[in-house]
Amino acid sequence: MSSITTSNFPALVVGTGFGCRIHVPALQAAGFDVVGIVGTDAERTASRAGSVGVELSYTDLGEAITRTGAVAVTIATPPASHAALTLTAIAHGCHVLCEKPMAMNLDEARNMLQAAEEAGVTHLIANEFRWQPDRAIIARALEDGLIGEPRLLNLSNFISLVASPDSKMPHWWFDPSAGGGWLGAQGSHQIDMVRTWLGEFESLGAALPIVSDRKNVAEDSYVLRFRMKNGAEGILQQTAGAWGPIASMTRVAGTRGTLWVDNGAVHIADCDGARELPVPADLALPEFPVSDDEGHRYSHLLGPFIRLCEALKAGVDGRPANSAVALPTFRDGVACMEVMDAIRTSAANNGALVSL
């Protein structure tokens, strides 16, 4: 079926899960016309597209771009398919927003970056948490020197998402050959956060354990001790396989103060005492309905993802993004893949120190 859109911002979403739940409404809120959904199974893709009010569906991205005249493509598929889909979109002149982790390895990521830069298209990685107010407030506080020189960082999370072997998760989440594993699913976000706050990694030692009652699958946890090029030291550990309520710590200690997160609010302690830092107007997120329904478990991501799609739209329109945070581009995706590759190398060698 052929359809030529007259929209100035026609976009395609590749992926029928997270793509339909988050990419579609975020793109629409940012001013895009989502003209089609691309998936691997024709019947399922058509059904998922219809469920989110998108008329057209395809199983071939190149055909979809040609038929719809799409100028932007967002990719929400398993990591093993990111490189090929991204290169197809770029070859057709489309601006691209790709889910994290960017690729299966550093070489793939570098090829994607090179292609995007040579084509002159906007390229973004879905590190939407850069717009999450607590993370953005800490980034700004560190940039403004509110705690002096950052010296020690502790990021720890215990989550029950896959604690039960009966958890309903996509099969690829546990398949290393498809890019599954908690390091890519959430570690990529945490790595991006650390880089946004403190710059580049210098060295690290890591482990990739399985905490839940599973065997011979991709990791559901990671443990990382690292040193940054600015001299800051840190510990990053997270599991999705721990029974019980969520428990977390986010704390950065510096020479003149400490920053931490408590129930989503950022606090600072220094020589003037302890206090909560307000959310600046430019870091406030758009309002959206948050659902407790299991089928909408990711609805809380819509606010940050709208901001990400607004940046994509600015790139399509050829104007500055006017973003309150630094945009996560393919260059950041490459840097994250370098850290992830180093983590895997260290874990495979019993936590040996790896220099970046």
Protein backbone atom coordinates (compact mmCIF):
# COMPACT_ATOMS: atom_id res chain seq x y z
CA MET A 1 0.00 0.00 0.00
CA SER A 2 1.40 3.41 -0.94
CA SER A 3 0.84 6.64 0.94
CA ILE A 4 2.58 9.98 0.41
CA THR A 5 2.21 12.27 3.40
CA THR A 6 1.94 16.06 3.22
CA SER A 7 3.19 16.49 6.78
CA ASN A 8 6.37 18.52 7.32
CA PHE A 9 7.48 16.05 9.99
CA PRO A 10 6.55 12.50 8.93
CA ALA A 11 8.21 9.90 11.14
CA LEU A 12 8.45 6.12 11.29
CA VAL A 13 8.80 4.04 14.44
CA VAL A 14 10.64 0.72 14.16
CA GLY A 15 9.55 -1.64 16.92
CA THR A 16 6.13 -2.72 18.13
CA GLY A 17 6.71 -2.86 21.90
CA PHE A 18 8.41 0.10 23.57
CA GLY A 19 8.22 1.86 20.22
CA CYS A 20 4.42 1.86 20.25
CA ARG A 21 4.11 2.55 23.99
CA ILE A 22 6.59 5.43 24.26
CA HIS A 23 8.08 6.50 20.93
CA VAL A 24 4.73 7.03 19.20
CA PRO A 25 3.08 9.29 21.83
CA ALA A 26 6.33 11.16 22.50
CA LEU A 27 6.86 11.87 18.80
CA GLN A 28 3.27 13.05 18.44
CA ALA A 29 3.56 15.31 21.49
CA ALA A 30 6.72 16.82 19.97
CA GLY A 31 4.91 17.66 16.72
CA PHE A 32 5.72 14.70 14.48
CA ASP A 33 3.19 12.87 12.34
CA VAL A 34 3.83 9.16 12.94
CA VAL A 35 3.03 7.79 9.50
CA GLY A 36 3.89 4.14 10.03
CA ILE A 37 5.13 1.37 12.29
CA VAL A 38 7.80 -1.08 11.14
CA GLY A 39 8.05 -4.57 12.61
CA THR A 40 9.12 -8.10 11.76
CA ASP A 41 5.70 -9.80 11.79
CA ALA A 42 3.16 -8.27 9.38
CA GLU A 43 0.01 -9.25 11.29
CA ARG A 44 1.32 -8.27 14.71
CA THR A 45 2.76 -5.00 13.39
CA ALA A 46 -0.55 -4.03 11.79
CA SER A 47 -2.38 -4.84 15.02
CA ARG A 48 0.03 -2.85 17.20
CA ALA A 49 -0.05 0.08 14.78
CA GLY A 50 -3.83 0.12 14.86
CA SER A 51 -3.86 0.03 18.65
CA VAL A 52 -1.97 3.35 18.76
CA GLY A 53 -3.92 4.97 15.94
CA VAL A 54 -1.29 4.58 13.20
CA GLU A 55 -2.79 3.51 9.88
CA LEU A 56 0.19 2.08 8.01
CA SER A 57 2.51 -0.78 8.91
CA TYR A 58 5.50 -2.35 7.18
CA THR A 59 8.05 -5.12 7.59
CA ASP A 60 10.78 -3.42 5.54
CA LEU A 61 12.21 -0.09 6.69
CA GLY A 62 13.56 0.98 3.30
CA GLU A 63 10.16 0.39 1.69
CA ALA A 64 8.43 2.23 4.51
CA ILE A 65 10.63 5.31 4.07
CA THR A 66 10.13 5.32 0.30
CA ARG A 67 6.35 4.93 0.51
CA THR A 68 5.72 7.45 3.30
CA GLY A 69 8.38 10.06 2.62
CA ALA A 70 9.44 9.88 6.26
CA VAL A 71 12.17 12.32 7.28
CA ALA A 72 12.81 10.83 10.72
CA VAL A 73 13.11 7.28 12.02
CA THR A 74 13.14 6.12 15.62
CA ILE A 75 14.46 2.64 16.39
CA ALA A 76 13.10 0.67 19.34
CA THR A 77 14.18 -2.87 18.57
CA PRO A 78 16.61 -5.33 20.21
CA PRO A 79 20.22 -4.04 20.12
CA ALA A 80 21.40 -6.65 17.61
CA SER A 81 19.30 -4.93 14.90
CA HIS A 82 20.24 -1.31 15.68
CA ALA A 83 23.21 -0.97 13.35
CA ALA A 84 21.55 -2.36 10.22
CA LEU A 85 18.33 -0.37 10.74
CA THR A 86 20.21 2.84 11.50
CA LEU A 87 22.36 2.50 8.39
CA THR A 88 19.24 1.89 6.28
CA ALA A 89 17.57 5.01 7.65
CA ILE A 90 20.69 7.12 7.09
CA ALA A 91 21.09 5.79 3.54
CA HIS A 92 17.60 7.14 2.83
CA GLY A 93 18.52 10.55 4.24
CA CYS A 94 16.53 10.22 7.46
CA HIS A 95 17.34 11.76 10.82
CA VAL A 96 17.64 9.01 13.44
CA LEU A 97 16.83 8.44 17.09
CA CYS A 98 18.15 5.04 18.18
CA GLU A 99 17.46 3.24 21.45
CA LYS A 100 20.26 2.39 23.79
CA PRO A 101 22.51 0.50 23.93
CA MET A 102 23.55 1.93 20.59
CA ALA A 103 24.88 -1.31 19.10
CA MET A 104 26.30 -4.73 19.86
CA ASN A 105 29.86 -3.46 20.17
CA LEU A 106 32.13 -0.48 19.68
CA ASP A 107 32.91 -1.19 16.02
CA GLU A 108 29.23 -1.18 15.07
CA ALA A 109 28.69 2.04 17.00
CA ARG A 110 31.59 3.76 15.27
CA ASN A 111 30.25 2.76 11.85
CA MET A 112 26.86 4.23 12.73
CA LEU A 113 28.41 7.50 13.88
CA GLN A 114 30.56 7.79 10.77
CA ALA A 115 27.58 7.18 8.48
CA ALA A 116 25.44 9.76 10.28
CA GLU A 117 28.13 12.43 10.24
CA GLU A 118 28.95 11.84 6.57
CA ALA A 119 25.25 12.10 5.70
CA GLY A 120 24.80 15.24 7.78
CA VAL A 121 21.69 13.97 9.56
CA THR A 122 20.64 14.51 13.16
CA HIS A 123 21.62 11.51 15.28
CA LEU A 124 20.39 10.94 18.83
CA ILE A 125 20.60 8.11 21.35
CA ALA A 126 17.63 7.42 23.64
CA ASN A 127 19.27 8.53 26.86
CA GLU A 128 16.10 10.41 27.77
CA PHE A 129 16.97 10.33 31.47
CA ARG A 130 19.25 13.31 30.85
CA TRP A 131 16.02 15.31 31.12
CA GLN A 132 14.88 13.62 34.34
CA PRO A 133 14.85 16.56 36.79
CA ASP A 134 16.93 14.95 39.56
CA ARG A 135 19.70 13.93 37.15
CA ALA A 136 19.62 17.28 35.35
CA ILE A 137 19.72 19.23 38.63
CA ILE A 138 22.79 17.29 39.81
CA ALA A 139 24.49 17.80 36.45
CA ARG A 140 23.92 21.53 36.71
CA ALA A 141 24.99 21.67 40.36
CA LEU A 142 28.25 19.92 39.51
CA GLU A 143 28.84 22.17 36.51
CA ASP A 144 28.25 25.22 38.75
CA GLY A 145 30.77 23.89 41.28
CA LEU A 146 28.28 23.75 44.17
CA ILE A 147 30.20 20.92 45.91
CA GLY A 148 33.68 21.86 44.75
CA GLU A 149 35.65 19.09 43.10
CA PRO A 150 33.64 15.84 42.94
CA ARG A 151 35.65 13.07 44.59
CA LEU A 152 33.34 10.09 45.29
CA LEU A 153 30.21 8.76 43.60
CA ASN A 154 27.93 5.94 44.77
CA LEU A 155 25.06 4.73 42.59
CA SER A 156 23.29 1.60 43.85
CA ASN A 157 19.89 0.14 42.93
CA PHE A 158 18.02 -3.01 43.93
CA ILE A 159 15.01 -3.67 41.67
CA SER A 160 12.65 -6.65 41.45
CA LEU A 161 11.80 -6.37 37.73
CA VAL A 162 13.08 -9.86 36.83
CA ALA A 163 13.47 -11.37 40.31
CA SER A 164 10.87 -14.00 39.48
CA PRO A 165 11.75 -16.48 36.72
CA ASP A 166 8.13 -16.08 35.65
CA SER A 167 8.54 -12.35 34.95
CA LYS A 168 6.92 -11.42 31.65
CA MET A 169 9.80 -9.94 29.71
CA PRO A 170 10.76 -10.16 26.03
CA HIS A 171 12.87 -13.24 25.35
CA TRP A 172 15.75 -11.19 23.92
CA TRP A 173 16.28 -9.48 27.29
CA PHE A 174 18.05 -12.65 28.47
CA ASP A 175 19.77 -13.49 25.17
CA PRO A 176 23.38 -12.21 24.90
CA SER A 177 23.41 -12.81 21.13
CA ALA A 178 20.53 -10.32 20.74
CA GLY A 179 22.15 -7.71 22.96
CA GLY A 180 20.18 -8.64 26.06
CA GLY A 181 21.30 -8.16 29.63
CA TRP A 182 20.87 -5.57 32.34
CA LEU A 183 24.12 -3.82 31.47
CA GLY A 184 22.68 -2.66 28.16
CA ALA A 185 19.13 -2.21 29.39
CA GLN A 186 19.93 0.05 32.35
CA GLY A 187 23.70 0.17 32.69
CA SER A 188 23.86 2.22 29.50
CA HIS A 189 21.68 4.87 31.16
CA GLN A 190 23.83 4.90 34.28
CA ILE A 191 27.05 5.12 32.28
CA ASP A 192 25.60 8.06 30.38
CA MET A 193 24.65 9.71 33.67
CA VAL A 194 28.15 9.32 35.09
CA ARG A 195 29.70 10.71 31.90
CA THR A 196 27.24 13.64 31.91
CA TRP A 197 28.15 14.46 35.51
CA LEU A 198 31.88 13.72 35.64
CA GLY A 199 33.32 13.44 32.13
CA GLU A 200 35.13 10.40 30.76
CA PHE A 201 36.12 7.11 32.38
CA GLU A 202 39.82 6.38 32.93
CA SER A 203 39.74 2.80 34.26
CA LEU A 204 37.36 0.24 35.73
CA GLY A 205 36.92 -3.25 37.13
CA ALA A 206 33.60 -5.04 36.84
CA ALA A 207 31.44 -8.12 37.36
CA LEU A 208 28.23 -9.18 35.59
CA PRO A 209 26.45 -11.55 37.99
CA ILE A 210 23.07 -13.24 37.73
CA VAL A 211 21.15 -12.66 40.96
CA SER A 212 17.77 -14.18 40.03
CA ASP A 213 17.13 -17.93 39.84
CA ARG A 214 18.29 -18.30 36.23
CA LYS A 215 21.25 -19.98 34.56
CA ASN A 216 23.02 -19.56 31.22
CA VAL A 217 21.35 -16.26 30.38
CA ALA A 218 22.51 -12.66 30.03
CA GLU A 219 23.29 -10.86 33.28
CA ASP A 220 20.54 -9.28 35.36
CA SER A 221 23.04 -7.27 37.44
CA TYR A 222 26.32 -5.42 37.21
CA VAL A 223 28.94 -4.24 39.71
CA LEU A 224 31.48 -1.64 38.70
CA ARG A 225 34.31 0.20 40.45
CA PHE A 226 35.76 3.02 38.39
CA ARG A 227 38.02 6.04 38.23
CA MET A 228 37.26 9.06 36.07
CA LYS A 229 39.80 11.14 34.18
CA ASN A 230 39.09 14.05 36.53
CA GLY A 231 40.22 11.89 39.47
CA ALA A 232 36.78 11.08 40.89
CA GLU A 233 36.27 7.52 42.10
CA GLY A 234 33.01 5.64 42.13
CA ILE A 235 30.93 2.53 42.58
CA LEU A 236 28.07 1.63 40.29
CA GLN A 237 25.97 -1.43 41.06
CA GLN A 238 22.48 -2.41 40.08
CA THR A 239 20.37 -5.53 39.95
CA ALA A 240 16.97 -6.15 38.41
CA GLY A 241 16.81 -9.54 40.10
CA ALA A 242 16.37 -8.68 43.80
CA TRP A 243 13.12 -9.54 45.55
CA GLY A 244 11.55 -6.81 47.66
CA PRO A 245 10.90 -3.09 47.38
CA ILE A 246 13.14 -0.83 45.35
CA ALA A 247 16.17 0.39 47.27
CA SER A 248 18.59 2.93 45.88
CA MET A 249 21.34 5.40 46.65
CA THR A 250 22.53 8.26 44.48
CA ARG A 251 25.19 10.36 46.20
CA VAL A 252 28.10 12.51 45.02
CA ALA A 253 30.62 13.83 47.56
CA GLY A 254 32.93 16.71 46.72
CA THR A 255 35.51 18.88 48.42
CA ARG A 256 32.90 21.42 49.56
CA GLY A 257 29.66 19.49 49.80
CA THR A 258 27.55 16.45 48.97
CA LEU A 259 24.61 15.96 46.60
CA TRP A 260 22.06 13.19 46.90
CA VAL A 261 18.62 12.11 45.73
CA ASP A 262 15.77 11.32 48.12
CA ASN A 263 12.36 10.35 46.68
CA GLY A 264 13.17 12.09 43.41
CA ALA A 265 14.25 15.35 45.04
CA VAL A 266 17.86 16.56 45.02
CA HIS A 267 19.46 17.68 48.29
CA ILE A 268 22.76 19.34 49.07
CA ALA A 269 24.77 19.56 52.27
CA ASP A 270 27.65 21.99 52.72
CA CYS A 271 28.95 24.55 55.21
CA ASP A 272 25.55 26.28 55.12
CA GLY A 273 23.70 23.12 56.17
CA ALA A 274 21.42 20.70 54.29
CA ARG A 275 18.63 21.78 51.96
CA GLU A 276 16.60 20.69 48.95
CA LEU A 277 17.46 22.14 45.54
CA PRO A 278 14.42 23.44 43.61
CA VAL A 279 13.60 22.36 40.06
CA PRO A 280 14.47 25.25 37.71
CA ALA A 281 11.72 26.21 35.27
CA ASP A 282 13.77 25.11 32.26
CA LEU A 283 14.17 21.59 33.71
CA ALA A 284 10.46 21.02 34.38
CA LEU A 285 8.93 18.25 32.28
CA PRO A 286 5.68 18.39 30.30
CA GLU A 287 2.71 16.96 32.16
CA PHE A 288 1.39 13.58 31.13
CA PRO A 289 -0.80 10.86 32.63
CA VAL A 290 1.12 8.19 34.57
CA SER A 291 -0.53 4.78 34.54
CA ASP A 292 -0.26 2.06 37.18
CA ASP A 293 -1.44 -0.50 34.66
CA GLU A 294 1.15 -3.28 34.12
CA GLY A 295 0.82 -2.75 30.36
CA HIS A 296 1.93 0.87 30.78
CA ARG A 297 4.82 0.34 33.18
CA TYR A 298 6.98 2.79 31.24
CA SER A 299 4.51 5.69 31.08
CA HIS A 300 6.68 7.68 33.52
CA LEU A 301 9.26 7.96 30.74
CA LEU A 302 7.01 10.02 28.49
CA GLY A 303 8.03 13.42 29.87
CA PRO A 304 11.77 12.96 29.29
CA PHE A 305 11.14 11.21 25.98
CA ILE A 306 9.05 14.13 24.73
CA ARG A 307 12.01 16.40 25.36
CA LEU A 308 14.23 14.00 23.40
CA CYS A 309 11.79 13.99 20.47
CA GLU A 310 11.59 17.79 20.59
CA ALA A 311 15.37 17.80 20.07
CA LEU A 312 14.96 15.43 17.14
CA LYS A 313 12.32 17.70 15.61
CA ALA A 314 14.62 20.71 15.93
CA GLY A 315 17.29 18.79 14.04
CA VAL A 316 14.84 17.85 11.29
CA ASP A 317 13.80 21.50 11.10
CA GLY A 318 17.43 22.64 10.86
CA ARG A 319 17.35 24.81 13.97
CA PRO A 320 19.11 24.69 17.36
CA ALA A 321 17.43 22.37 19.85
CA ASN A 322 17.42 25.00 22.63
CA SER A 323 17.68 22.15 25.11
CA ALA A 324 18.23 22.63 28.84
CA VAL A 325 20.57 19.62 28.83
CA ALA A 326 23.32 18.45 26.49
CA LEU A 327 21.86 16.33 23.71
CA PRO A 328 22.75 12.61 23.71
CA THR A 329 24.17 12.00 20.25
CA PHE A 330 25.78 9.04 18.51
CA ARG A 331 29.11 10.33 19.85
CA ASP A 332 27.80 9.68 23.35
CA GLY A 333 26.56 6.28 22.19
CA VAL A 334 30.06 5.41 20.99
CA ALA A 335 31.59 6.54 24.29
CA CYS A 336 29.06 4.43 26.20
CA MET A 337 29.81 1.38 24.06
CA GLU A 338 33.51 1.81 24.81
CA VAL A 339 32.75 1.67 28.55
CA MET A 340 30.39 -1.29 28.12
CA ASP A 341 32.99 -3.22 26.13
CA ALA A 342 35.53 -2.50 28.88
CA ILE A 343 33.06 -3.76 31.52
CA ARG A 344 32.53 -7.00 29.61
CA THR A 345 36.28 -7.44 29.17
CA SER A 346 36.88 -6.91 32.88
CA ALA A 347 34.04 -9.25 33.89
CA ALA A 348 35.36 -11.96 31.59
CA ASN A 349 38.74 -11.67 33.35
CA ASN A 350 37.52 -11.88 36.94
CA GLY A 351 37.24 -8.14 37.45
CA ALA A 352 40.70 -7.24 36.11
CA LEU A 353 41.40 -3.51 35.82
CA VAL A 354 40.77 -2.19 32.30
CA SER A 355 42.05 1.19 31.12
CA LEU A 356 40.05 3.20 28.61
